[in-house]
Amino acid sequence: MLHDRRRIAVRSLGTIGLLAVAAALIVGCRPEAGPGSTGDPTPSISTRPTGASPTPIETELPGAGFEVPASCEDVYSAAMLSSLTADNPPLNDPDVTMLSTQDIDLNQIIDGGAATLRCSWGLPGEYGLATNVTAIDAEQGEFILAELAASGAACEPLGSGTVCRFEQKGVTQDDQVYTSGETHYVGDGGWVSTSWLNFAPEGYTEDIVDTVWG
């Protein structure tokens, strides 16, 4: 059962929902056809609106207990960074506007002044991911985990925190199968949120946790 307060943002990038709710994966997605509708749109990473900043935006929340890494290169191990660079470059293409989660309530934490570093991989299209590393307080951490659990995400311990995941498969109007999903980690004052489309590197979130939290 979906959480009463869950609302899903619809964008032009592609289609994603937390479980049964039809929604978009990235900013500017075309919505997936719901029950009784005919045909699915083709998910694709959309382009940034004209005039938007081409660089990741980092905000600061005074008193945050978690130190957000200074750059995306500091988020990954050398091996993972090399693999991502080889498999799906570039890092932080300015035209990729994928969100790291489609949950509006969770996005309000990211957009509400919490210190956040954004890292995306891939070009606009049908293959990529976006990650935010965000400083949170204990109350926000509890809210994030409760929201994910209520939405049906599968959660389990990871390191000193908790990792939650879900994924969904679909078929586009061109009969192309796609897979999309989200992975979240909450622990020790930090939150890693990742949304992906047809690109979910094995051990991706685990590598971030090992690198950032040590």
N, C-alpha and C. Protein backbone atom coordinates (compact mmCIF):
# COMPACT_ATOMS: atom_id res chain seq x y z
N MET A 1 0.85 -1.20 0.00
CA MET A 1 0.00 0.00 0.00
C MET A 1 0.87 1.24 0.00
N LEU A 2 0.54 2.21 -0.80
CA LEU A 2 1.33 3.44 -0.88
C LEU A 2 1.02 4.34 0.30
N HIS A 3 1.98 5.07 0.72
CA HIS A 3 1.84 6.03 1.82
C HIS A 3 0.84 7.12 1.45
N ASP A 4 0.01 7.53 2.44
CA ASP A 4 -1.03 8.52 2.14
C ASP A 4 -0.47 9.82 1.66
N ARG A 5 0.73 10.15 2.14
CA ARG A 5 1.27 11.48 1.82
C ARG A 5 2.15 11.47 0.59
N ARG A 6 2.28 10.28 -0.06
CA ARG A 6 3.20 10.20 -1.19
C ARG A 6 2.61 10.86 -2.41
N ARG A 7 3.38 11.72 -3.04
CA ARG A 7 2.98 12.35 -4.29
C ARG A 7 4.13 12.20 -5.25
N ILE A 8 3.84 11.94 -6.50
CA ILE A 8 4.89 11.67 -7.47
C ILE A 8 4.95 12.78 -8.50
N ALA A 9 6.15 13.30 -8.74
CA ALA A 9 6.34 14.35 -9.73
C ALA A 9 6.44 13.72 -11.10
N VAL A 10 5.77 14.33 -12.10
CA VAL A 10 5.81 13.82 -13.47
C VAL A 10 6.68 14.73 -14.31
N ARG A 11 7.64 14.20 -14.98
CA ARG A 11 8.59 14.96 -15.79
C ARG A 11 8.71 14.35 -17.17
N SER A 12 9.59 14.95 -18.05
CA SER A 12 9.68 14.48 -19.43
C SER A 12 10.81 13.51 -19.67
N LEU A 13 11.51 13.05 -18.66
CA LEU A 13 12.66 12.17 -18.88
C LEU A 13 12.26 10.75 -19.17
N GLY A 14 11.34 10.21 -18.46
CA GLY A 14 11.01 8.82 -18.63
C GLY A 14 9.93 8.46 -17.66
N THR A 15 9.74 7.22 -17.31
CA THR A 15 8.67 6.87 -16.42
C THR A 15 9.20 6.11 -15.24
N ILE A 16 8.78 6.56 -14.04
CA ILE A 16 9.15 5.83 -12.85
C ILE A 16 8.06 6.01 -11.83
N GLY A 17 7.81 5.04 -11.04
CA GLY A 17 6.89 5.19 -9.95
C GLY A 17 7.42 4.44 -8.77
N LEU A 18 7.08 4.85 -7.58
CA LEU A 18 7.38 4.03 -6.43
C LEU A 18 6.28 2.98 -6.41
N LEU A 19 6.67 1.75 -6.81
CA LEU A 19 5.77 0.63 -6.95
C LEU A 19 4.70 0.93 -7.98
N ALA A 20 3.38 0.91 -7.57
CA ALA A 20 2.32 0.93 -8.55
C ALA A 20 1.96 2.31 -9.03
N VAL A 21 2.54 3.36 -8.48
CA VAL A 21 2.18 4.71 -8.88
C VAL A 21 2.95 5.10 -10.13
N ALA A 22 2.24 5.47 -11.21
CA ALA A 22 2.92 5.86 -12.45
C ALA A 22 3.49 7.24 -12.26
N ALA A 23 4.79 7.39 -12.59
CA ALA A 23 5.43 8.69 -12.45
C ALA A 23 6.62 8.76 -13.35
N ALA A 24 7.33 9.89 -13.31
CA ALA A 24 8.46 10.07 -14.20
C ALA A 24 9.74 9.88 -13.47
N LEU A 25 10.78 9.44 -14.19
CA LEU A 25 12.07 9.22 -13.56
C LEU A 25 12.86 10.48 -13.41
N ILE A 26 12.77 11.41 -14.33
CA ILE A 26 13.62 12.58 -14.28
C ILE A 26 12.83 13.84 -14.60
N VAL A 27 13.46 15.00 -14.35
CA VAL A 27 12.81 16.26 -14.66
C VAL A 27 12.44 16.26 -16.12
N GLY A 28 11.21 16.58 -16.43
CA GLY A 28 10.76 16.66 -17.80
C GLY A 28 10.42 15.32 -18.38
N CYS A 29 9.95 14.33 -17.58
CA CYS A 29 9.60 13.03 -18.12
C CYS A 29 8.22 13.04 -18.75
N ARG A 30 8.04 12.15 -19.72
CA ARG A 30 6.69 11.90 -20.21
C ARG A 30 6.08 10.82 -19.35
N PRO A 31 4.80 10.94 -18.91
CA PRO A 31 4.23 9.97 -17.98
C PRO A 31 4.01 8.62 -18.62
N GLU A 32 4.17 7.57 -17.79
CA GLU A 32 3.88 6.22 -18.24
C GLU A 32 2.38 6.02 -18.31
N ALA A 33 1.92 5.27 -19.30
CA ALA A 33 0.50 5.03 -19.41
C ALA A 33 0.03 4.22 -18.24
N GLY A 34 -1.07 4.60 -17.62
CA GLY A 34 -1.61 3.90 -16.46
C GLY A 34 -2.51 2.78 -16.89
N PRO A 35 -3.11 2.08 -15.90
CA PRO A 35 -4.00 0.98 -16.20
C PRO A 35 -5.13 1.42 -17.11
N GLY A 36 -5.36 0.64 -18.14
CA GLY A 36 -6.43 0.97 -19.07
C GLY A 36 -5.98 1.84 -20.21
N SER A 37 -4.75 2.37 -20.12
CA SER A 37 -4.24 3.21 -21.20
C SER A 37 -3.54 2.33 -22.21
N THR A 38 -3.24 2.87 -23.36
CA THR A 38 -2.57 2.09 -24.40
C THR A 38 -1.20 2.69 -24.66
N GLY A 39 -0.16 1.84 -24.49
CA GLY A 39 1.19 2.25 -24.88
C GLY A 39 1.92 3.01 -23.80
N ASP A 40 3.23 2.83 -23.73
CA ASP A 40 4.12 3.56 -22.84
C ASP A 40 5.01 4.47 -23.66
N PRO A 41 5.36 5.65 -23.12
CA PRO A 41 6.33 6.49 -23.81
C PRO A 41 7.72 5.93 -23.64
N THR A 42 8.66 6.39 -24.45
CA THR A 42 10.03 5.94 -24.34
C THR A 42 10.75 6.75 -23.28
N PRO A 43 11.26 6.08 -22.20
CA PRO A 43 11.99 6.83 -21.19
C PRO A 43 13.26 7.40 -21.79
N SER A 44 13.61 8.61 -21.41
CA SER A 44 14.84 9.20 -21.89
C SER A 44 15.26 10.30 -20.96
N ILE A 45 16.57 10.51 -20.84
CA ILE A 45 17.09 11.56 -19.99
C ILE A 45 16.89 12.89 -20.71
N SER A 46 16.20 13.81 -20.08
CA SER A 46 15.85 15.06 -20.73
C SER A 46 16.99 16.07 -20.64
N THR A 47 16.84 17.16 -21.36
CA THR A 47 17.85 18.21 -21.35
C THR A 47 17.46 19.32 -20.39
N ARG A 48 18.47 20.03 -19.93
CA ARG A 48 18.25 21.12 -18.98
C ARG A 48 17.63 22.32 -19.69
N PRO A 49 16.66 23.00 -19.04
CA PRO A 49 16.07 24.18 -19.65
C PRO A 49 17.12 25.25 -19.91
N THR A 50 16.91 26.02 -20.97
CA THR A 50 17.84 27.08 -21.34
C THR A 50 18.03 28.05 -20.19
N GLY A 51 19.27 28.39 -19.92
CA GLY A 51 19.57 29.37 -18.89
C GLY A 51 19.84 28.77 -17.53
N ALA A 52 19.62 27.44 -17.34
CA ALA A 52 19.86 26.82 -16.05
C ALA A 52 21.37 26.66 -15.83
N SER A 53 21.77 26.60 -14.58
CA SER A 53 23.19 26.46 -14.26
C SER A 53 23.71 25.13 -14.73
N PRO A 54 24.88 25.08 -15.40
CA PRO A 54 25.42 23.82 -15.90
C PRO A 54 26.21 23.06 -14.86
N THR A 55 26.35 23.58 -13.65
CA THR A 55 27.14 22.92 -12.63
C THR A 55 26.25 22.48 -11.48
N PRO A 56 26.67 21.43 -10.74
CA PRO A 56 25.89 20.99 -9.58
C PRO A 56 25.76 22.11 -8.57
N ILE A 57 24.61 22.20 -7.93
CA ILE A 57 24.35 23.25 -6.95
C ILE A 57 24.55 22.66 -5.56
N GLU A 58 25.37 23.30 -4.76
CA GLU A 58 25.60 22.85 -3.40
C GLU A 58 25.13 23.93 -2.44
N THR A 59 24.24 23.56 -1.53
CA THR A 59 23.75 24.50 -0.54
C THR A 59 24.29 24.09 0.82
N GLU A 60 24.13 24.93 1.81
CA GLU A 60 24.69 24.66 3.11
C GLU A 60 23.66 24.88 4.20
N LEU A 61 23.57 23.93 5.10
CA LEU A 61 22.69 24.04 6.25
C LEU A 61 23.56 24.17 7.49
N PRO A 62 23.56 25.34 8.16
CA PRO A 62 24.40 25.53 9.34
C PRO A 62 24.10 24.47 10.39
N GLY A 63 25.14 23.92 10.97
CA GLY A 63 24.96 22.96 12.05
C GLY A 63 24.79 21.53 11.59
N ALA A 64 24.80 21.27 10.29
CA ALA A 64 24.66 19.90 9.82
C ALA A 64 25.84 19.08 10.34
N GLY A 65 25.56 17.89 10.90
CA GLY A 65 26.60 17.09 11.51
C GLY A 65 27.38 16.23 10.54
N PHE A 66 26.94 16.13 9.31
CA PHE A 66 27.60 15.30 8.31
C PHE A 66 28.31 16.18 7.31
N GLU A 67 29.56 15.85 7.03
CA GLU A 67 30.33 16.64 6.08
C GLU A 67 30.16 16.08 4.67
N VAL A 68 29.50 16.82 3.82
CA VAL A 68 29.29 16.41 2.44
C VAL A 68 30.61 16.48 1.68
N PRO A 69 30.94 15.47 0.88
CA PRO A 69 32.19 15.52 0.12
C PRO A 69 32.30 16.78 -0.73
N ALA A 70 33.51 17.23 -0.97
CA ALA A 70 33.73 18.47 -1.71
C ALA A 70 33.45 18.33 -3.19
N SER A 71 33.62 17.13 -3.74
CA SER A 71 33.41 16.93 -5.17
C SER A 71 32.95 15.51 -5.42
N CYS A 72 32.41 15.26 -6.60
CA CYS A 72 31.95 13.92 -6.94
C CYS A 72 33.11 12.93 -6.98
N GLU A 73 34.29 13.38 -7.34
CA GLU A 73 35.45 12.49 -7.36
C GLU A 73 35.75 11.94 -5.96
N ASP A 74 35.30 12.65 -4.92
CA ASP A 74 35.52 12.20 -3.55
C ASP A 74 34.44 11.24 -3.07
N VAL A 75 33.43 11.00 -3.88
CA VAL A 75 32.31 10.15 -3.48
C VAL A 75 32.60 8.68 -3.75
N TYR A 76 33.45 8.40 -4.74
CA TYR A 76 33.69 7.03 -5.19
C TYR A 76 35.13 6.58 -4.93
N SER A 77 35.28 5.26 -4.82
CA SER A 77 36.63 4.71 -4.80
C SER A 77 37.27 4.91 -6.16
N ALA A 78 38.59 4.76 -6.24
CA ALA A 78 39.28 4.94 -7.51
C ALA A 78 38.78 3.92 -8.53
N ALA A 79 38.52 2.70 -8.09
CA ALA A 79 38.06 1.65 -9.01
C ALA A 79 36.67 1.95 -9.54
N MET A 80 35.75 2.38 -8.67
CA MET A 80 34.40 2.69 -9.12
C MET A 80 34.40 3.92 -10.03
N LEU A 81 35.16 4.94 -9.69
CA LEU A 81 35.23 6.14 -10.53
C LEU A 81 35.75 5.79 -11.91
N SER A 82 36.76 4.94 -11.98
CA SER A 82 37.29 4.51 -13.28
C SER A 82 36.26 3.73 -14.07
N SER A 83 35.51 2.86 -13.39
CA SER A 83 34.49 2.06 -14.07
C SER A 83 33.36 2.93 -14.60
N LEU A 84 32.90 3.87 -13.80
CA LEU A 84 31.82 4.77 -14.23
C LEU A 84 32.27 5.64 -15.41
N THR A 85 33.48 6.11 -15.34
CA THR A 85 34.02 6.95 -16.41
C THR A 85 34.11 6.18 -17.72
N ALA A 86 34.44 4.90 -17.63
CA ALA A 86 34.56 4.08 -18.82
C ALA A 86 33.20 3.61 -19.36
N ASP A 87 32.27 3.29 -18.43
CA ASP A 87 31.02 2.66 -18.84
C ASP A 87 29.93 3.64 -19.24
N ASN A 88 29.87 4.81 -18.61
CA ASN A 88 28.77 5.72 -18.92
C ASN A 88 29.14 7.18 -18.65
N PRO A 89 30.12 7.71 -19.37
CA PRO A 89 30.48 9.12 -19.21
C PRO A 89 29.45 10.00 -19.90
N PRO A 90 29.49 11.32 -19.57
CA PRO A 90 30.42 11.97 -18.66
C PRO A 90 29.83 12.10 -17.26
N LEU A 91 30.64 12.61 -16.36
CA LEU A 91 30.18 12.99 -15.03
C LEU A 91 29.57 14.38 -15.10
N ASN A 92 28.34 14.51 -14.61
CA ASN A 92 27.65 15.81 -14.51
C ASN A 92 27.51 16.53 -15.85
N ASP A 93 26.98 15.83 -16.84
CA ASP A 93 26.64 16.51 -18.09
C ASP A 93 25.61 17.60 -17.79
N PRO A 94 25.82 18.83 -18.26
CA PRO A 94 24.92 19.93 -17.90
C PRO A 94 23.50 19.78 -18.43
N ASP A 95 23.28 18.90 -19.40
CA ASP A 95 21.95 18.75 -19.97
C ASP A 95 21.13 17.64 -19.32
N VAL A 96 21.71 16.94 -18.36
CA VAL A 96 20.99 15.88 -17.66
C VAL A 96 20.32 16.47 -16.43
N THR A 97 19.01 16.30 -16.32
CA THR A 97 18.24 16.88 -15.21
C THR A 97 17.55 15.81 -14.37
N MET A 98 18.01 14.59 -14.44
CA MET A 98 17.44 13.50 -13.65
C MET A 98 17.46 13.85 -12.16
N LEU A 99 16.36 13.59 -11.47
CA LEU A 99 16.30 13.76 -10.02
C LEU A 99 16.79 12.48 -9.35
N SER A 100 17.25 12.60 -8.11
CA SER A 100 17.73 11.43 -7.39
C SER A 100 16.60 10.68 -6.68
N THR A 101 15.41 11.25 -6.66
CA THR A 101 14.22 10.57 -6.15
C THR A 101 13.00 11.27 -6.72
N GLN A 102 11.92 10.51 -6.92
CA GLN A 102 10.68 11.09 -7.42
C GLN A 102 9.68 11.35 -6.30
N ASP A 103 10.06 11.08 -5.05
CA ASP A 103 9.18 11.37 -3.92
C ASP A 103 9.25 12.86 -3.61
N ILE A 104 8.14 13.54 -3.74
CA ILE A 104 8.11 15.00 -3.55
C ILE A 104 8.51 15.37 -2.12
N ASP A 105 8.03 14.62 -1.12
CA ASP A 105 8.37 14.94 0.26
C ASP A 105 9.86 14.78 0.51
N LEU A 106 10.47 13.77 -0.07
CA LEU A 106 11.92 13.59 0.09
C LEU A 106 12.70 14.67 -0.65
N ASN A 107 12.21 15.05 -1.82
CA ASN A 107 12.88 16.13 -2.56
C ASN A 107 12.84 17.44 -1.80
N GLN A 108 11.84 17.64 -0.97
CA GLN A 108 11.77 18.88 -0.20
C GLN A 108 12.92 18.99 0.80
N ILE A 109 13.42 17.84 1.27
CA ILE A 109 14.59 17.87 2.15
C ILE A 109 15.81 18.36 1.38
N ILE A 110 15.99 17.82 0.17
CA ILE A 110 17.13 18.22 -0.66
C ILE A 110 17.03 19.69 -1.05
N ASP A 111 15.83 20.13 -1.39
CA ASP A 111 15.65 21.50 -1.88
C ASP A 111 15.46 22.51 -0.75
N GLY A 112 15.39 22.03 0.50
CA GLY A 112 15.06 22.92 1.60
C GLY A 112 16.25 23.52 2.32
N GLY A 113 17.45 23.40 1.78
CA GLY A 113 18.61 24.04 2.39
C GLY A 113 19.64 23.08 2.93
N ALA A 114 19.38 21.76 2.85
CA ALA A 114 20.37 20.80 3.33
C ALA A 114 21.59 20.81 2.41
N ALA A 115 22.77 20.70 3.02
CA ALA A 115 24.01 20.63 2.22
C ALA A 115 23.95 19.39 1.33
N THR A 116 24.09 19.59 0.02
CA THR A 116 23.90 18.50 -0.94
C THR A 116 24.93 18.60 -2.07
N LEU A 117 25.45 17.45 -2.47
CA LEU A 117 26.31 17.35 -3.64
C LEU A 117 25.63 16.44 -4.65
N ARG A 118 25.47 16.90 -5.89
CA ARG A 118 24.81 16.13 -6.94
C ARG A 118 25.85 15.57 -7.91
N CYS A 119 25.67 14.30 -8.27
CA CYS A 119 26.54 13.65 -9.25
C CYS A 119 25.67 12.84 -10.21
N SER A 120 25.80 13.09 -11.51
CA SER A 120 25.07 12.31 -12.50
C SER A 120 26.05 11.67 -13.47
N TRP A 121 25.61 10.57 -14.09
CA TRP A 121 26.44 9.87 -15.05
C TRP A 121 25.65 9.60 -16.32
N GLY A 122 26.23 9.94 -17.46
CA GLY A 122 25.61 9.67 -18.74
C GLY A 122 25.17 10.93 -19.45
N LEU A 123 24.79 10.75 -20.70
CA LEU A 123 24.26 11.82 -21.54
C LEU A 123 22.74 11.78 -21.56
N PRO A 124 22.09 12.86 -21.99
CA PRO A 124 20.63 12.79 -22.16
C PRO A 124 20.27 11.61 -23.06
N GLY A 125 19.36 10.79 -22.63
CA GLY A 125 18.98 9.61 -23.39
C GLY A 125 18.22 8.63 -22.53
N GLU A 126 18.49 7.35 -22.70
CA GLU A 126 17.72 6.32 -22.02
C GLU A 126 18.61 5.45 -21.13
N TYR A 127 19.71 6.02 -20.61
CA TYR A 127 20.69 5.23 -19.90
C TYR A 127 21.48 6.14 -18.98
N GLY A 128 21.25 6.07 -17.68
CA GLY A 128 22.01 6.93 -16.78
C GLY A 128 21.50 6.87 -15.35
N LEU A 129 22.14 7.66 -14.49
CA LEU A 129 21.73 7.73 -13.09
C LEU A 129 22.10 9.09 -12.52
N ALA A 130 21.46 9.42 -11.39
CA ALA A 130 21.77 10.66 -10.67
C ALA A 130 21.78 10.35 -9.18
N THR A 131 22.77 10.89 -8.48
CA THR A 131 22.94 10.67 -7.05
C THR A 131 23.08 12.00 -6.33
N ASN A 132 22.44 12.13 -5.19
CA ASN A 132 22.66 13.25 -4.29
C ASN A 132 23.21 12.71 -2.97
N VAL A 133 24.24 13.35 -2.46
CA VAL A 133 24.74 13.06 -1.12
C VAL A 133 24.35 14.26 -0.26
N THR A 134 23.54 14.03 0.77
CA THR A 134 22.89 15.11 1.50
C THR A 134 23.10 14.96 3.00
N ALA A 135 23.37 16.07 3.67
CA ALA A 135 23.47 16.09 5.13
C ALA A 135 22.07 16.21 5.73
N ILE A 136 21.74 15.34 6.69
CA ILE A 136 20.42 15.35 7.31
C ILE A 136 20.57 15.22 8.82
N ASP A 137 19.49 15.56 9.54
CA ASP A 137 19.49 15.33 10.99
C ASP A 137 18.75 14.03 11.28
N ALA A 138 18.71 13.66 12.56
CA ALA A 138 18.13 12.37 12.94
C ALA A 138 16.65 12.30 12.58
N GLU A 139 15.93 13.38 12.78
CA GLU A 139 14.49 13.38 12.48
C GLU A 139 14.25 13.19 10.98
N GLN A 140 15.05 13.86 10.17
CA GLN A 140 14.91 13.69 8.72
C GLN A 140 15.24 12.26 8.30
N GLY A 141 16.27 11.68 8.94
CA GLY A 141 16.62 10.30 8.62
C GLY A 141 15.49 9.34 8.92
N GLU A 142 14.84 9.52 10.05
CA GLU A 142 13.70 8.67 10.42
C GLU A 142 12.56 8.85 9.42
N PHE A 143 12.34 10.08 9.01
CA PHE A 143 11.26 10.35 8.05
C PHE A 143 11.54 9.68 6.71
N ILE A 144 12.78 9.78 6.23
CA ILE A 144 13.15 9.18 4.95
C ILE A 144 12.91 7.68 4.97
N LEU A 145 13.38 7.01 6.02
CA LEU A 145 13.22 5.56 6.11
C LEU A 145 11.75 5.17 6.23
N ALA A 146 10.98 5.94 6.99
CA ALA A 146 9.55 5.64 7.11
C ALA A 146 8.84 5.82 5.78
N GLU A 147 9.20 6.86 5.04
CA GLU A 147 8.59 7.12 3.74
C GLU A 147 8.91 6.00 2.75
N LEU A 148 10.15 5.56 2.74
CA LEU A 148 10.55 4.49 1.83
C LEU A 148 9.89 3.17 2.20
N ALA A 149 9.84 2.86 3.50
CA ALA A 149 9.22 1.61 3.93
C ALA A 149 7.73 1.60 3.61
N ALA A 150 7.06 2.73 3.81
CA ALA A 150 5.63 2.82 3.52
C ALA A 150 5.36 2.69 2.03
N SER A 151 6.34 3.02 1.22
CA SER A 151 6.19 2.92 -0.23
C SER A 151 6.51 1.53 -0.76
N GLY A 152 6.95 0.65 0.12
CA GLY A 152 7.21 -0.72 -0.29
C GLY A 152 8.63 -1.02 -0.66
N ALA A 153 9.56 -0.10 -0.43
CA ALA A 153 10.96 -0.36 -0.73
C ALA A 153 11.50 -1.46 0.19
N ALA A 154 12.41 -2.26 -0.33
CA ALA A 154 13.05 -3.30 0.46
C ALA A 154 14.26 -2.71 1.17
N CYS A 155 14.28 -2.76 2.50
CA CYS A 155 15.33 -2.13 3.29
C CYS A 155 16.09 -3.18 4.10
N GLU A 156 17.39 -2.92 4.31
CA GLU A 156 18.22 -3.82 5.09
C GLU A 156 19.41 -3.04 5.63
N PRO A 157 20.05 -3.56 6.68
CA PRO A 157 21.22 -2.86 7.23
C PRO A 157 22.37 -2.82 6.23
N LEU A 158 23.11 -1.72 6.25
CA LEU A 158 24.33 -1.58 5.47
C LEU A 158 25.28 -0.68 6.25
N GLY A 159 26.45 -1.21 6.59
CA GLY A 159 27.36 -0.43 7.42
C GLY A 159 26.68 -0.08 8.74
N SER A 160 26.76 1.19 9.10
CA SER A 160 26.10 1.65 10.33
C SER A 160 24.73 2.25 10.06
N GLY A 161 24.23 2.06 8.83
CA GLY A 161 22.94 2.64 8.47
C GLY A 161 22.02 1.63 7.81
N THR A 162 21.15 2.14 6.93
CA THR A 162 20.14 1.32 6.27
C THR A 162 20.09 1.66 4.79
N VAL A 163 20.02 0.64 3.94
CA VAL A 163 19.87 0.84 2.51
C VAL A 163 18.50 0.33 2.08
N CYS A 164 17.83 1.08 1.21
CA CYS A 164 16.50 0.72 0.71
C CYS A 164 16.52 0.79 -0.81
N ARG A 165 15.85 -0.18 -1.45
CA ARG A 165 15.87 -0.25 -2.91
C ARG A 165 14.51 -0.63 -3.46
N PHE A 166 14.24 -0.21 -4.67
CA PHE A 166 13.14 -0.75 -5.46
C PHE A 166 13.46 -0.55 -6.93
N GLU A 167 12.87 -1.38 -7.77
CA GLU A 167 13.04 -1.23 -9.21
C GLU A 167 11.76 -1.62 -9.92
N GLN A 168 11.66 -1.22 -11.18
CA GLN A 168 10.46 -1.45 -11.97
C GLN A 168 10.85 -1.65 -13.42
N LYS A 169 10.18 -2.56 -14.08
CA LYS A 169 10.39 -2.79 -15.51
C LYS A 169 9.17 -2.31 -16.27
N GLY A 170 9.38 -1.90 -17.51
CA GLY A 170 8.29 -1.44 -18.35
C GLY A 170 8.63 -1.63 -19.81
N VAL A 171 7.66 -1.35 -20.65
CA VAL A 171 7.85 -1.45 -22.10
C VAL A 171 7.40 -0.14 -22.73
N THR A 172 8.22 0.42 -23.60
CA THR A 172 7.90 1.69 -24.24
C THR A 172 6.95 1.48 -25.41
N GLN A 173 6.50 2.58 -26.00
CA GLN A 173 5.65 2.52 -27.18
C GLN A 173 6.36 1.87 -28.35
N ASP A 174 7.70 1.88 -28.32
CA ASP A 174 8.49 1.23 -29.37
C ASP A 174 8.84 -0.20 -29.02
N ASP A 175 8.15 -0.76 -28.01
CA ASP A 175 8.36 -2.13 -27.57
C ASP A 175 9.77 -2.38 -27.05
N GLN A 176 10.37 -1.34 -26.47
CA GLN A 176 11.68 -1.47 -25.85
C GLN A 176 11.51 -1.66 -24.34
N VAL A 177 12.11 -2.72 -23.80
CA VAL A 177 12.03 -2.97 -22.37
C VAL A 177 13.00 -2.05 -21.64
N TYR A 178 12.57 -1.45 -20.55
CA TYR A 178 13.46 -0.63 -19.73
C TYR A 178 13.32 -1.03 -18.28
N THR A 179 14.36 -0.75 -17.51
CA THR A 179 14.36 -1.00 -16.07
C THR A 179 14.79 0.28 -15.37
N SER A 180 14.09 0.63 -14.32
CA SER A 180 14.40 1.85 -13.59
C SER A 180 14.20 1.60 -12.10
N GLY A 181 14.73 2.48 -11.28
CA GLY A 181 14.57 2.30 -9.85
C GLY A 181 15.27 3.36 -9.04
N GLU A 182 15.25 3.17 -7.73
CA GLU A 182 15.92 4.07 -6.80
C GLU A 182 16.61 3.25 -5.71
N THR A 183 17.72 3.79 -5.22
CA THR A 183 18.43 3.22 -4.07
C THR A 183 18.75 4.35 -3.10
N HIS A 184 18.49 4.11 -1.82
CA HIS A 184 18.72 5.13 -0.79
C HIS A 184 19.51 4.53 0.36
N TYR A 185 20.45 5.31 0.87
CA TYR A 185 21.18 4.93 2.08
C TYR A 185 21.06 6.05 3.09
N VAL A 186 20.73 5.69 4.34
CA VAL A 186 20.63 6.66 5.43
C VAL A 186 21.49 6.17 6.58
N GLY A 187 22.41 7.01 7.03
CA GLY A 187 23.26 6.62 8.16
C GLY A 187 24.18 7.72 8.60
N ASP A 188 24.35 7.86 9.93
CA ASP A 188 25.34 8.76 10.52
C ASP A 188 25.28 10.17 9.95
N GLY A 189 24.09 10.75 9.89
CA GLY A 189 23.94 12.13 9.48
C GLY A 189 23.95 12.39 8.01
N GLY A 190 23.99 11.34 7.18
CA GLY A 190 24.01 11.53 5.74
C GLY A 190 22.98 10.67 5.03
N TRP A 191 22.64 11.07 3.82
CA TRP A 191 21.66 10.37 2.99
C TRP A 191 22.17 10.36 1.55
N VAL A 192 22.26 9.16 0.98
CA VAL A 192 22.62 9.00 -0.42
C VAL A 192 21.37 8.56 -1.18
N SER A 193 20.91 9.38 -2.09
CA SER A 193 19.72 9.06 -2.88
C SER A 193 20.11 8.92 -4.35
N THR A 194 19.71 7.82 -4.97
CA THR A 194 20.08 7.56 -6.36
C THR A 194 18.88 7.08 -7.14
N SER A 195 18.65 7.70 -8.29
CA SER A 195 17.64 7.26 -9.23
C SER A 195 18.35 6.84 -10.51
N TRP A 196 17.92 5.72 -11.12
CA TRP A 196 18.64 5.21 -12.28
C TRP A 196 17.68 4.71 -13.36
N LEU A 197 18.16 4.73 -14.57
CA LEU A 197 17.40 4.25 -15.72
C LEU A 197 18.31 3.40 -16.60
N ASN A 198 18.05 2.09 -16.64
CA ASN A 198 18.82 1.15 -17.47
C ASN A 198 20.31 1.15 -17.14
N PHE A 199 20.67 1.65 -15.98
CA PHE A 199 22.09 1.71 -15.60
C PHE A 199 22.20 1.67 -14.08
N ALA A 200 22.47 0.46 -13.54
CA ALA A 200 22.58 0.28 -12.10
C ALA A 200 23.85 -0.52 -11.82
N PRO A 201 24.99 0.14 -11.75
CA PRO A 201 26.26 -0.57 -11.56
C PRO A 201 26.26 -1.39 -10.26
N GLU A 202 26.76 -2.60 -10.35
CA GLU A 202 26.80 -3.47 -9.18
C GLU A 202 27.70 -2.86 -8.10
N GLY A 203 27.17 -2.82 -6.87
CA GLY A 203 27.95 -2.31 -5.75
C GLY A 203 28.07 -0.80 -5.70
N TYR A 204 27.24 -0.09 -6.47
CA TYR A 204 27.36 1.37 -6.59
C TYR A 204 27.18 2.06 -5.24
N THR A 205 26.06 1.83 -4.59
CA THR A 205 25.80 2.50 -3.31
C THR A 205 26.73 2.00 -2.23
N GLU A 206 27.03 0.71 -2.24
CA GLU A 206 27.96 0.16 -1.26
C GLU A 206 29.34 0.84 -1.38
N ASP A 207 29.76 1.12 -2.60
CA ASP A 207 31.05 1.79 -2.81
C ASP A 207 31.02 3.20 -2.24
N ILE A 208 29.90 3.91 -2.44
CA ILE A 208 29.78 5.27 -1.88
C ILE A 208 29.85 5.23 -0.36
N VAL A 209 29.14 4.28 0.25
CA VAL A 209 29.13 4.16 1.70
C VAL A 209 30.53 3.88 2.22
N ASP A 210 31.24 2.95 1.58
CA ASP A 210 32.60 2.62 2.01
C ASP A 210 33.53 3.81 1.84
N THR A 211 33.34 4.58 0.77
CA THR A 211 34.24 5.70 0.49
C THR A 211 33.96 6.91 1.37
N VAL A 212 32.68 7.25 1.52
CA VAL A 212 32.31 8.47 2.26
C VAL A 212 32.35 8.24 3.77
N TRP A 213 31.85 7.10 4.21
CA TRP A 213 31.79 6.82 5.63
C TRP A 213 33.01 6.05 6.13
N GLY A 214 33.76 5.44 5.20
CA GLY A 214 34.98 4.73 5.57
C GLY A 214 34.72 3.49 6.41
